[in-house]
């Protein structure tokens, strides 16, 4: 693994760890329609740069 990838992966783990530490719920059930409104699951033609990945992970952790 190169350093840039490792750094991004570590940042993602920190975001997920903070989310898990602050959330006592194991499951916060939401209906498929609610999730469909909240999540953009379309696949773009081009991927995102590693630097853009962490804000995406953070946005999903806040749902």
PDB file of N, CA and C in Angstrom:
ATOM      1  N   UNK A   1       0.843  -1.187   0.000  1.00  0.00           N
ATOM      2  CA  UNK A   1       0.000   0.000   0.000  1.00  0.00           C
ATOM      3  C   UNK A   1       0.884   1.244   0.000  1.00  0.00           C
ATOM      4  N   UNK A   2       0.499   2.205  -0.807  1.00  0.00           N
ATOM      5  CA  UNK A   2       1.271   3.449  -0.780  1.00  0.00           C
ATOM      6  C   UNK A   2       0.828   4.313   0.394  1.00  0.00           C
ATOM      7  N   UNK A   3       1.632   5.306   0.727  1.00  0.00           N
ATOM      8  CA  UNK A   3       1.378   6.143   1.897  1.00  0.00           C
ATOM      9  C   UNK A   3       0.076   6.917   1.823  1.00  0.00           C
ATOM     10  N   UNK A   4      -0.266   7.406   0.631  1.00  0.00           N
ATOM     11  CA  UNK A   4      -1.485   8.194   0.460  1.00  0.00           C
ATOM     12  C   UNK A   4      -2.726   7.343   0.739  1.00  0.00           C
ATOM     13  N   UNK A   5      -2.715   6.123   0.228  1.00  0.00           N
ATOM     14  CA  UNK A   5      -3.843   5.216   0.448  1.00  0.00           C
ATOM     15  C   UNK A   5      -3.955   4.862   1.925  1.00  0.00           C
ATOM     16  N   UNK A   6      -2.825   4.552   2.551  1.00  0.00           N
ATOM     17  CA  UNK A   6      -2.811   4.181   3.965  1.00  0.00           C
ATOM     18  C   UNK A   6      -3.339   5.332   4.829  1.00  0.00           C
ATOM     19  N   UNK A   7      -2.933   6.560   4.507  1.00  0.00           N
ATOM     20  CA  UNK A   7      -3.388   7.742   5.261  1.00  0.00           C
ATOM     21  C   UNK A   7      -4.898   7.896   5.129  1.00  0.00           C
ATOM     22  N   UNK A   8      -5.425   7.760   3.921  1.00  0.00           N
ATOM     23  CA  UNK A   8      -6.859   7.890   3.687  1.00  0.00           C
ATOM     24  C   UNK A   8      -7.623   6.786   4.410  1.00  0.00           C
ATOM     25  N   UNK A   9      -7.116   5.586   4.360  1.00  0.00           N
ATOM     26  CA  UNK A   9      -7.761   4.468   5.048  1.00  0.00           C
ATOM     27  C   UNK A   9      -7.777   4.706   6.558  1.00  0.00           C
ATOM     28  N   UNK A  10      -6.682   5.190   7.113  1.00  0.00           N
ATOM     29  CA  UNK A  10      -6.632   5.502   8.544  1.00  0.00           C
ATOM     30  C   UNK A  10      -7.631   6.592   8.913  1.00  0.00           C
ATOM     31  N   UNK A  11      -7.767   7.606   8.056  1.00  0.00           N
ATOM     32  CA  UNK A  11      -8.735   8.672   8.311  1.00  0.00           C
ATOM     33  C   UNK A  11     -10.159   8.113   8.305  1.00  0.00           C
ATOM     34  N   UNK A  12     -10.442   7.202   7.380  1.00  0.00           N
ATOM     35  CA  UNK A  12     -11.767   6.595   7.320  1.00  0.00           C
ATOM     36  C   UNK A  12     -12.044   5.789   8.587  1.00  0.00           C
ATOM     37  N   UNK A  13     -11.055   5.079   9.077  1.00  0.00           N
ATOM     38  CA  UNK A  13     -11.214   4.300  10.300  1.00  0.00           C
ATOM     39  C   UNK A  13     -11.491   5.219  11.488  1.00  0.00           C
ATOM     40  N   UNK A  14     -10.832   6.375  11.543  1.00  0.00           N
ATOM     41  CA  UNK A  14     -11.069   7.340  12.623  1.00  0.00           C
ATOM     42  C   UNK A  14     -12.508   7.841  12.575  1.00  0.00           C
ATOM     43  N   UNK A  15     -12.993   8.196  11.389  1.00  0.00           N
ATOM     44  CA  UNK A  15     -14.373   8.679  11.236  1.00  0.00           C
ATOM     45  C   UNK A  15     -15.358   7.602  11.682  1.00  0.00           C
ATOM     46  N   UNK A  16     -15.140   6.378  11.250  1.00  0.00           N
ATOM     47  CA  UNK A  16     -16.037   5.286  11.621  1.00  0.00           C
ATOM     48  C   UNK A  16     -15.956   5.025  13.125  1.00  0.00           C
ATOM     49  N   UNK A  17     -14.768   5.070  13.685  1.00  0.00           N
ATOM     50  CA  UNK A  17     -14.605   4.874  15.121  1.00  0.00           C
ATOM     51  C   UNK A  17     -15.333   5.923  15.934  1.00  0.00           C
ATOM     52  N   UNK A  18     -15.238   7.186  15.512  1.00  0.00           N
ATOM     53  CA  UNK A  18     -15.960   8.266  16.207  1.00  0.00           C
ATOM     54  C   UNK A  18     -17.467   8.041  16.126  1.00  0.00           C
ATOM     55  N   UNK A  19     -17.927   7.623  14.963  1.00  0.00           N
ATOM     56  CA  UNK A  19     -19.354   7.357  14.794  1.00  0.00           C
ATOM     57  C   UNK A  19     -19.812   6.253  15.741  1.00  0.00           C
ATOM     58  N   UNK A  20     -19.061   5.174  15.782  1.00  0.00           N
ATOM     59  CA  UNK A  20     -19.437   4.050  16.634  1.00  0.00           C
ATOM     60  C   UNK A  20     -19.373   4.411  18.112  1.00  0.00           C
ATOM     61  N   UNK A  21     -18.401   5.237  18.487  1.00  0.00           N
ATOM     62  CA  UNK A  21     -18.259   5.636  19.889  1.00  0.00           C
ATOM     63  C   UNK A  21     -19.389   6.556  20.329  1.00  0.00           C
ATOM     64  N   UNK A  22     -19.918   7.340  19.413  1.00  0.00           N
ATOM     65  CA  UNK A  22     -20.953   8.312  19.777  1.00  0.00           C
ATOM     66  C   UNK A  22     -22.370   7.777  19.608  1.00  0.00           C
ATOM     67  N   UNK A  23     -22.507   6.613  19.038  1.00  0.00           N
ATOM     68  CA  UNK A  23     -23.819   6.069  18.734  1.00  0.00           C
ATOM     69  C   UNK A  23     -24.063   4.806  19.545  1.00  0.00           C
ATOM     70  N   UNK A  24     -25.097   4.815  20.359  1.00  0.00           N
ATOM     71  CA  UNK A  24     -25.389   3.625  21.156  1.00  0.00           C
ATOM     72  C   UNK A  24     -26.297   2.642  20.421  1.00  0.00           C
ATOM     73  N   UNK A  25     -26.922   3.102  19.339  1.00  0.00           N
ATOM     74  CA  UNK A  25     -27.808   2.224  18.578  1.00  0.00           C
ATOM     75  C   UNK A  25     -26.978   1.289  17.699  1.00  0.00           C
ATOM     76  N   UNK A  26     -27.355   0.041  17.679  1.00  0.00           N
ATOM     77  CA  UNK A  26     -26.709  -0.895  16.775  1.00  0.00           C
ATOM     78  C   UNK A  26     -27.317  -0.740  15.385  1.00  0.00           C
ATOM     79  N   UNK A  27     -28.634  -0.599  15.357  1.00  0.00           N
ATOM     80  CA  UNK A  27     -29.342  -0.427  14.097  1.00  0.00           C
ATOM     81  C   UNK A  27     -30.336   0.719  14.252  1.00  0.00           C
ATOM     82  N   UNK A  28     -30.308   1.630  13.312  1.00  0.00           N
ATOM     83  CA  UNK A  28     -31.290   2.706  13.259  1.00  0.00           C
ATOM     84  C   UNK A  28     -32.107   2.461  11.993  1.00  0.00           C
ATOM     85  N   UNK A  29     -33.106   1.595  12.116  1.00  0.00           N
ATOM     86  CA  UNK A  29     -33.854   1.178  10.944  1.00  0.00           C
ATOM     87  C   UNK A  29     -34.518   2.365  10.263  1.00  0.00           C
ATOM     88  N   UNK A  30     -34.350   2.416   8.964  1.00  0.00           N
ATOM     89  CA  UNK A  30     -35.018   3.409   8.132  1.00  0.00           C
ATOM     90  C   UNK A  30     -35.571   2.696   6.924  1.00  0.00           C
ATOM     91  N   UNK A  31     -36.713   3.141   6.499  1.00  0.00           N
ATOM     92  CA  UNK A  31     -37.364   2.481   5.371  1.00  0.00           C
ATOM     93  C   UNK A  31     -36.539   2.690   4.094  1.00  0.00           C
ATOM     94  N   UNK A  32     -36.706   1.804   3.135  1.00  0.00           N
ATOM     95  CA  UNK A  32     -35.982   1.968   1.876  1.00  0.00           C
ATOM     96  C   UNK A  32     -36.224   3.328   1.213  1.00  0.00           C
ATOM     97  N   UNK A  33     -37.445   3.839   1.298  1.00  0.00           N
ATOM     98  CA  UNK A  33     -37.739   5.134   0.674  1.00  0.00           C
ATOM     99  C   UNK A  33     -36.978   6.267   1.355  1.00  0.00           C
ATOM    100  N   UNK A  34     -36.868   6.222   2.672  1.00  0.00           N
ATOM    101  CA  UNK A  34     -36.115   7.244   3.402  1.00  0.00           C
ATOM    102  C   UNK A  34     -34.644   7.164   3.028  1.00  0.00           C
ATOM    103  N   UNK A  35     -34.094   5.965   2.988  1.00  0.00           N
ATOM    104  CA  UNK A  35     -32.694   5.802   2.611  1.00  0.00           C
ATOM    105  C   UNK A  35     -32.447   6.274   1.183  1.00  0.00           C
ATOM    106  N   UNK A  36     -33.374   5.993   0.304  1.00  0.00           N
ATOM    107  CA  UNK A  36     -33.239   6.412  -1.092  1.00  0.00           C
ATOM    108  C   UNK A  36     -33.141   7.932  -1.197  1.00  0.00           C
ATOM    109  N   UNK A  37     -33.885   8.642  -0.347  1.00  0.00           N
ATOM    110  CA  UNK A  37     -33.836  10.106  -0.340  1.00  0.00           C
ATOM    111  C   UNK A  37     -32.509  10.620   0.223  1.00  0.00           C
ATOM    112  N   UNK A  38     -31.955   9.912   1.192  1.00  0.00           N
ATOM    113  CA  UNK A  38     -30.748  10.375   1.868  1.00  0.00           C
ATOM    114  C   UNK A  38     -29.457  10.026   1.135  1.00  0.00           C
ATOM    115  N   UNK A  39     -29.439   8.902   0.455  1.00  0.00           N
ATOM    116  CA  UNK A  39     -28.203   8.398  -0.137  1.00  0.00           C
ATOM    117  C   UNK A  39     -28.188   8.571  -1.645  1.00  0.00           C
ATOM    118  N   UNK A  40     -27.063   9.047  -2.128  1.00  0.00           N
ATOM    119  CA  UNK A  40     -26.863   9.126  -3.571  1.00  0.00           C
ATOM    120  C   UNK A  40     -26.070   7.885  -3.972  1.00  0.00           C
ATOM    121  N   UNK A  41     -26.759   6.915  -4.528  1.00  0.00           N
ATOM    122  CA  UNK A  41     -26.125   5.664  -4.875  1.00  0.00           C
ATOM    123  C   UNK A  41     -25.812   5.544  -6.363  1.00  0.00           C
ATOM    124  N   UNK A  42     -25.853   6.656  -7.067  1.00  0.00           N
ATOM    125  CA  UNK A  42     -25.500   6.622  -8.481  1.00  0.00           C
ATOM    126  C   UNK A  42     -23.990   6.464  -8.615  1.00  0.00           C
ATOM    127  N   UNK A  43     -23.575   5.809  -9.654  1.00  0.00           N
ATOM    128  CA  UNK A  43     -22.156   5.632  -9.911  1.00  0.00           C
ATOM    129  C   UNK A  43     -21.707   6.636 -10.969  1.00  0.00           C
ATOM    130  N   UNK A  44     -20.763   7.496 -10.609  1.00  0.00           N
ATOM    131  CA  UNK A  44     -20.292   8.470 -11.590  1.00  0.00           C
ATOM    132  C   UNK A  44     -19.424   7.784 -12.647  1.00  0.00           C
ATOM    133  N   UNK A  45     -19.250   8.461 -13.771  1.00  0.00           N
ATOM    134  CA  UNK A  45     -18.397   7.923 -14.829  1.00  0.00           C
ATOM    135  C   UNK A  45     -16.942   7.848 -14.386  1.00  0.00           C
ATOM    136  N   UNK A  46     -16.547   8.806 -13.538  1.00  0.00           N
ATOM    137  CA  UNK A  46     -15.175   8.829 -13.040  1.00  0.00           C
ATOM    138  C   UNK A  46     -15.207   8.660 -11.528  1.00  0.00           C
ATOM    139  N   UNK A  47     -14.190   8.044 -10.994  1.00  0.00           N
ATOM    140  CA  UNK A  47     -14.070   7.881  -9.553  1.00  0.00           C
ATOM    141  C   UNK A  47     -13.658   9.189  -8.889  1.00  0.00           C
ATOM    142  N   UNK A  48     -13.505   9.158  -7.580  1.00  0.00           N
ATOM    143  CA  UNK A  48     -13.075  10.343  -6.853  1.00  0.00           C
ATOM    144  C   UNK A  48     -11.640  10.157  -6.392  1.00  0.00           C
ATOM    145  N   UNK A  49     -10.957  11.266  -6.206  1.00  0.00           N
ATOM    146  CA  UNK A  49      -9.602  11.238  -5.674  1.00  0.00           C
ATOM    147  C   UNK A  49      -9.658  10.837  -4.206  1.00  0.00           C
ATOM    148  N   UNK A  50      -8.580  10.285  -3.701  1.00  0.00           N
ATOM    149  CA  UNK A  50      -8.544   9.863  -2.305  1.00  0.00           C
ATOM    150  C   UNK A  50      -8.897  10.997  -1.356  1.00  0.00           C
ATOM    151  N   UNK A  51      -8.477  12.213  -1.676  1.00  0.00           N
ATOM    152  CA  UNK A  51      -8.753  13.355  -0.814  1.00  0.00           C
ATOM    153  C   UNK A  51     -10.246  13.638  -0.701  1.00  0.00           C
ATOM    154  N   UNK A  52     -11.000  13.254  -1.703  1.00  0.00           N
ATOM    155  CA  UNK A  52     -12.443  13.492  -1.712  1.00  0.00           C
ATOM    156  C   UNK A  52     -13.220  12.395  -0.982  1.00  0.00           C
ATOM    157  N   UNK A  53     -12.557  11.306  -0.652  1.00  0.00           N
ATOM    158  CA  UNK A  53     -13.235  10.165  -0.057  1.00  0.00           C
ATOM    159  C   UNK A  53     -13.668  10.410   1.382  1.00  0.00           C
ATOM    160  N   UNK A  54     -12.831  11.054   2.187  1.00  0.00           N
ATOM    161  CA  UNK A  54     -13.131  11.250   3.607  1.00  0.00           C
ATOM    162  C   UNK A  54     -14.388  12.094   3.809  1.00  0.00           C
ATOM    163  N   UNK A  55     -14.577  13.221   3.121  1.00  0.00           N
ATOM    164  CA  UNK A  55     -15.841  13.959   3.291  1.00  0.00           C
ATOM    165  C   UNK A  55     -17.066  13.127   2.925  1.00  0.00           C
ATOM    166  N   UNK A  56     -16.941  12.224   1.972  1.00  0.00           N
ATOM    167  CA  UNK A  56     -18.054  11.354   1.608  1.00  0.00           C
ATOM    168  C   UNK A  56     -18.361  10.403   2.763  1.00  0.00           C
ATOM    169  N   UNK A  57     -17.324   9.797   3.326  1.00  0.00           N
ATOM    170  CA  UNK A  57     -17.512   8.886   4.468  1.00  0.00           C
ATOM    171  C   UNK A  57     -18.134   9.637   5.637  1.00  0.00           C
ATOM    172  N   UNK A  58     -17.646  10.861   5.904  1.00  0.00           N
ATOM    173  CA  UNK A  58     -18.191  11.663   6.999  1.00  0.00           C
ATOM    174  C   UNK A  58     -19.661  11.980   6.768  1.00  0.00           C
ATOM    175  N   UNK A  59     -20.039  12.273   5.536  1.00  0.00           N
ATOM    176  CA  UNK A  59     -21.438  12.616   5.263  1.00  0.00           C
ATOM    177  C   UNK A  59     -22.369  11.439   5.525  1.00  0.00           C
ATOM    178  N   UNK A  60     -21.933  10.223   5.231  1.00  0.00           N
ATOM    179  CA  UNK A  60     -22.758   9.052   5.495  1.00  0.00           C
ATOM    180  C   UNK A  60     -22.811   8.740   6.987  1.00  0.00           C
ATOM    181  N   UNK A  61     -21.765   9.062   7.718  1.00  0.00           N
ATOM    182  CA  UNK A  61     -21.737   8.815   9.158  1.00  0.00           C
ATOM    183  C   UNK A  61     -22.713   9.745   9.886  1.00  0.00           C
ATOM    184  N   UNK A  62     -23.088  10.851   9.252  1.00  0.00           N
ATOM    185  CA  UNK A  62     -23.977  11.818   9.887  1.00  0.00           C
ATOM    186  C   UNK A  62     -25.438  11.586   9.562  1.00  0.00           C
ATOM    187  N   UNK A  63     -25.759  10.603   8.748  1.00  0.00           N
ATOM    188  CA  UNK A  63     -27.164  10.377   8.355  1.00  0.00           C
ATOM    189  C   UNK A  63     -28.011   9.986   9.529  1.00  0.00           C
TER     190      UNK A  63
END
